[in-house]
Structures are given as structure tokens and as C-alpha cells.
Amino acid sequence: MTSDIDWRELDLEHRSSWRRIFNEDWKNDSPEAACPICSHHTLHRWYKQESVQAKVLRGQSFIGHGRLWEWCSTCHAYEYYPDGFVPAWWKEPYPVDPALLKYDPGPIDAERAKAAERRSTNAGDIPN
């Protein structure tokens, strides 16, 4: 999958406020705070679990080793963590082809948008 979006790594100027937002709302795949760069409420995070390895660190439960992407869908700033732990609360909200997972969150954001569109379309359906 290729993307015309110009994703850019988070700059040093905004790193402190970005970290504060994601650290304070770390049990949510879409933090409620506004992006410190563009002020839109379009921040997201997504984990890819690579192995199963339950452990507790600093009182928090983790289910295994993996990777993490944090990004803003509006201004396309992001951070990528290739080596970390996946928290026990994480449940993959939409699938992403592992072959597409690289450094920037483009493929993840594309799947997030598709999943949101499906939810929006299905919300209008009337059950039989």
C-alpha cells in the first residue's frame, strides 16, 4: 500500500506536550486531548503484538512484546516505538496486514479510517 500522505516524525518542539497527552491517556487507542501541533482531536495509538510474554512492570500488566505507533490523523505527525511491551488492555480494534507495517502509521491510519466508516455505515442500519 502506498500513500500520498507526507507523514513526519514528531518534532522536538512538541515532544513534551505530545508525551504528556499520550502518557496521561495511555489506556485509550484514541486519546481525548487535542493534538498539540494542529489542535484537532485526531490522536491515535496502535500496538502490534509480536510475542506473548505476560509481565507486570511498575504495577501495569502487559501481554507481550511488540511495537507502538502514536499519530495525529490531521497533521500527520507521529512517533514510532519498534521495541516495547503491549499493555493488557489492548485489543486490536481493526486488523492491519503485518506486511504493510513499516515506520510511519499510514497503513494503520488507512485501516482505522475504513473501520470508522464501516461503524458509521452500520450505525444507520435498522436490525431485522
Protein backbone atom coordinates (compact mmCIF):
# COMPACT_ATOMS: atom_id res chain seq x y z
CA MET A 1 0.00 0.00 0.00
CA THR A 2 1.38 3.38 -0.93
CA SER A 3 0.15 6.65 0.40
CA ASP A 4 0.25 10.22 -0.85
CA ILE A 5 0.32 11.45 2.74
CA ASP A 6 3.54 13.05 3.86
CA TRP A 7 3.96 11.60 7.35
CA ARG A 8 6.52 13.37 9.51
CA GLU A 9 8.23 12.46 12.71
CA LEU A 10 7.26 14.45 15.76
CA ASP A 11 9.46 17.50 16.17
CA LEU A 12 11.33 18.35 19.36
CA GLU A 13 9.26 21.48 19.94
CA HIS A 14 6.10 19.45 20.59
CA ARG A 15 7.59 16.29 22.11
CA SER A 16 6.95 17.25 25.75
CA SER A 17 3.26 18.09 25.29
CA TRP A 18 2.75 15.08 22.99
CA ARG A 19 4.26 12.71 25.58
CA ARG A 20 2.14 14.26 28.35
CA ILE A 21 -1.06 13.69 26.35
CA PHE A 22 -0.29 10.10 25.40
CA ASN A 23 1.06 9.21 28.85
CA GLU A 24 -1.94 10.67 30.70
CA ASP A 25 -4.48 8.87 28.50
CA TRP A 26 -2.46 5.72 27.87
CA LYS A 27 -5.36 3.24 28.16
CA ASN A 28 -7.19 4.57 25.12
CA ASP A 29 -6.48 3.92 21.44
CA SER A 30 -7.66 7.47 20.64
CA PRO A 31 -6.73 9.93 23.41
CA GLU A 32 -9.37 12.59 24.00
CA ALA A 33 -6.97 15.54 24.10
CA ALA A 34 -6.31 17.75 21.10
CA CYS A 35 -3.12 17.38 19.13
CA PRO A 36 -0.51 19.83 20.47
CA ILE A 37 0.52 20.67 16.89
CA CYS A 38 -2.75 21.20 15.00
CA SER A 39 -5.34 21.31 17.84
CA HIS A 40 -7.55 18.64 16.22
CA HIS A 41 -8.93 15.76 18.27
CA THR A 42 -7.44 13.16 15.94
CA LEU A 43 -4.73 11.48 18.02
CA HIS A 44 -4.41 7.70 17.86
CA ARG A 45 -2.22 4.83 19.02
CA TRP A 46 -1.91 1.29 17.79
CA TYR A 47 0.09 -1.67 19.07
CA LYS A 48 1.29 -4.69 17.15
CA GLN A 49 1.91 -7.62 19.46
CA GLU A 50 4.90 -9.68 18.30
CA SER A 51 5.10 -12.25 21.10
CA VAL A 52 3.19 -13.47 24.14
CA GLN A 53 5.05 -12.71 27.34
CA ALA A 54 2.85 -11.71 30.26
CA LYS A 55 4.55 -9.49 32.81
CA VAL A 56 3.89 -6.71 35.29
CA LEU A 57 6.04 -3.58 35.19
CA ARG A 58 5.56 -0.70 37.64
CA GLY A 59 2.18 -2.16 38.60
CA GLN A 60 0.90 -2.34 34.99
CA SER A 61 0.09 -5.63 33.23
CA PHE A 62 1.46 -6.36 29.78
CA ILE A 63 0.60 -9.24 27.45
CA GLY A 64 3.73 -9.37 25.37
CA HIS A 65 6.43 -7.72 23.37
CA GLY A 66 5.57 -5.53 20.40
CA ARG A 67 5.64 -2.21 18.59
CA LEU A 68 3.74 1.06 19.06
CA TRP A 69 2.66 3.88 16.74
CA GLU A 70 1.22 7.19 18.02
CA TRP A 71 0.00 9.75 15.49
CA CYS A 72 -2.32 12.55 14.50
CA SER A 73 -4.57 11.85 11.51
CA THR A 74 -4.86 15.55 10.70
CA CYS A 75 -1.32 16.97 10.73
CA HIS A 76 0.35 13.55 10.16
CA ALA A 77 2.90 13.86 12.94
CA TYR A 78 3.85 10.56 14.54
CA GLU A 79 6.17 8.65 16.81
CA TYR A 80 7.14 5.03 16.33
CA TYR A 81 8.48 2.69 19.03
CA PRO A 82 9.86 -0.53 17.49
CA ASP A 83 10.61 -2.24 20.80
CA GLY A 84 8.29 -2.25 23.79
CA PHE A 85 5.52 -4.02 25.63
CA VAL A 86 1.86 -4.27 24.71
CA PRO A 87 -0.46 -3.41 27.62
CA ALA A 88 -3.03 -5.95 28.82
CA TRP A 89 -5.92 -3.58 27.98
CA TRP A 90 -5.01 -3.57 24.26
CA LYS A 91 -7.45 -5.30 21.90
CA GLU A 92 -6.70 -4.76 18.22
CA PRO A 93 -9.68 -2.61 17.07
CA TYR A 94 -9.10 -3.27 13.35
CA PRO A 95 -6.72 -5.57 11.52
CA VAL A 96 -3.69 -4.30 9.63
CA ASP A 97 -1.70 -6.50 7.26
CA PRO A 98 1.64 -7.06 9.05
CA ALA A 99 3.49 -6.88 5.72
CA LEU A 100 2.41 -3.22 5.45
CA LEU A 101 3.71 -2.21 8.87
CA LYS A 102 6.76 -0.04 8.48
CA TYR A 103 7.93 3.08 10.24
CA ASP A 104 5.09 5.55 9.57
CA PRO A 105 1.48 4.84 10.59
CA GLY A 106 0.00 5.33 7.10
CA PRO A 107 -1.34 1.77 6.63
CA ILE A 108 -2.68 1.73 10.19
CA ASP A 109 -4.46 5.06 9.77
CA ALA A 110 -5.97 3.90 6.47
CA GLU A 111 -7.43 0.81 8.19
CA ARG A 112 -8.61 2.95 11.12
CA ALA A 113 -10.49 5.23 8.70
CA LYS A 114 -12.07 2.22 6.93
CA ALA A 115 -13.17 0.75 10.27
CA ALA A 116 -14.68 4.11 11.32
CA GLU A 117 -16.55 4.30 8.01
CA ARG A 118 -17.93 0.77 8.48
CA ARG A 119 -19.08 1.66 12.02
CA SER A 120 -20.72 4.83 10.72
CA THR A 121 -22.48 2.97 7.90
CA ASN A 122 -23.63 0.17 10.21
CA ALA A 123 -24.93 2.63 12.81
CA GLY A 124 -27.60 3.66 10.32
CA ASP A 125 -28.75 0.10 9.71
CA ILE A 126 -32.04 -0.98 11.22
CA PRO A 127 -31.97 -4.53 12.65
CA ASN A 128 -34.48 -7.02 11.24
